[in-house]
Amino acid sequence: MIIQRVVLNSRPGKNGVPVAENFRLEQSTIADTLQAGQVRVKTLYLSVDPYMRCRMNEDTGSDYLQPWQLAEVADGGGVGVVEESKHENLARGDFVTCFTWPWQTVAILDGSSLQKLVPQLVNGRLSYFLGAAGITGLTALLGIREKGHVAVGANQTMVVSGAAGACGSLAGQIGRLEGCSRVVGIAGTDEKCSILVQEMGFDAAINYKKGDVAKQLRELCPGGVDVYFDNVGGDISDMVISQMNQNSHIILCGQISQYNKDVPYPPPLPPDIEKIQKERNITRERFLVLNYMDKQEASVLQLCQWIQEGKLKVRETVVEGLANIGAAFQSMMNGGNIGKQIVSVSK
């Protein structure tokens, strides 16, 4: 069978900025027959995520991420429908997902690697299983529960950087649902800030490209910062940490401002900021959602319930066509999208 797939065409270099041309669309073939335990799936949606920047290097800098290989198909989170099955638990028409879905129109996968989906849980929006009801939502919810130490009635203020992104836009809302009394987001455009406040229930949002961010933080967080959901690292995080309270907590989710730099993960803090962290006993521990998969099922059900009840607002930036996945990746790394970045492959 002839298919289309996207392979890694070139590496941007450890300190380079990814561009669409780092990926290449090509024709390939897959077998016409299945082996026992295999399924043939048609790809519906693919997820494009910041962590994938690390996979473009020969060394990802992480023990849980494998680098993409040149001229080989890329992969990540995906959702599709089973066209043919030789796996006892999967049948034609089942919707399925996994974290290692190849970037191609049709694929033959090991049925045991796939998770069956229930579309009704997300009101039929299958792409949500890659975002708000998938690994992105799990990262936000479990990050807050495991590392945020949020307590109802504790009058805590949460700040979220990268707040208009896939994880940040959910984290702010979840922080409120879990008990934070004030939530402030940091984003890169006035439009994003407006959406955070008017649509997603943030108390306020700061456009970091305008004005004095540190001053705005002091004004919007007069009691200091108790919980910081850190998606970006760098100068913005340094400003937030400077205003954090004694015994406060950093949820170290991502460091997107550092992904194009050859630095260890998590990147070290500048000496003056590290001194503040230690003196104020601010926790800053690496968080990896894959370490909490025993809580996945219950957490996904909680996320789906909030979605169905309208308590969790979901934004997606959907790009049509597998051929455009490289451009979608470049746009995401440049901060050009709001919410989750999804590529719709076929319907």
Foldseek 3Di string as FASTA:
>chain_A
DKWKFKAQAAALDLQGAAFLVRIDIDIDDDDPDDDAQKFKWFWFKAFFDLLLLLLSDCHSLDPVDHHGDHPDFAFAKTKTFTCCDNRPVDHGGWIWIAGGHTLMRMDMDRNVRIDTDDCVLQPNPVCCCVACLHPLVLLLQCLCVVFFPADAPPQAEEEEEVLQERNNVQNQLNSVVRHHPAYEYEAADPVSQCCSVPPSPHVGYHRPVDDDPLVVCCVRCVVFHQEYEDAADDPVVLSNLVRHAAAGEYRCRHHLPCSSDPAHPPHDDPPVSVVSCVVRVYDDDHDDSVVVVVCSVVSSSVSSVCSVVVSGDADEDEAEASSCVSVLNSCVSVRNDGHTYMYGHDD
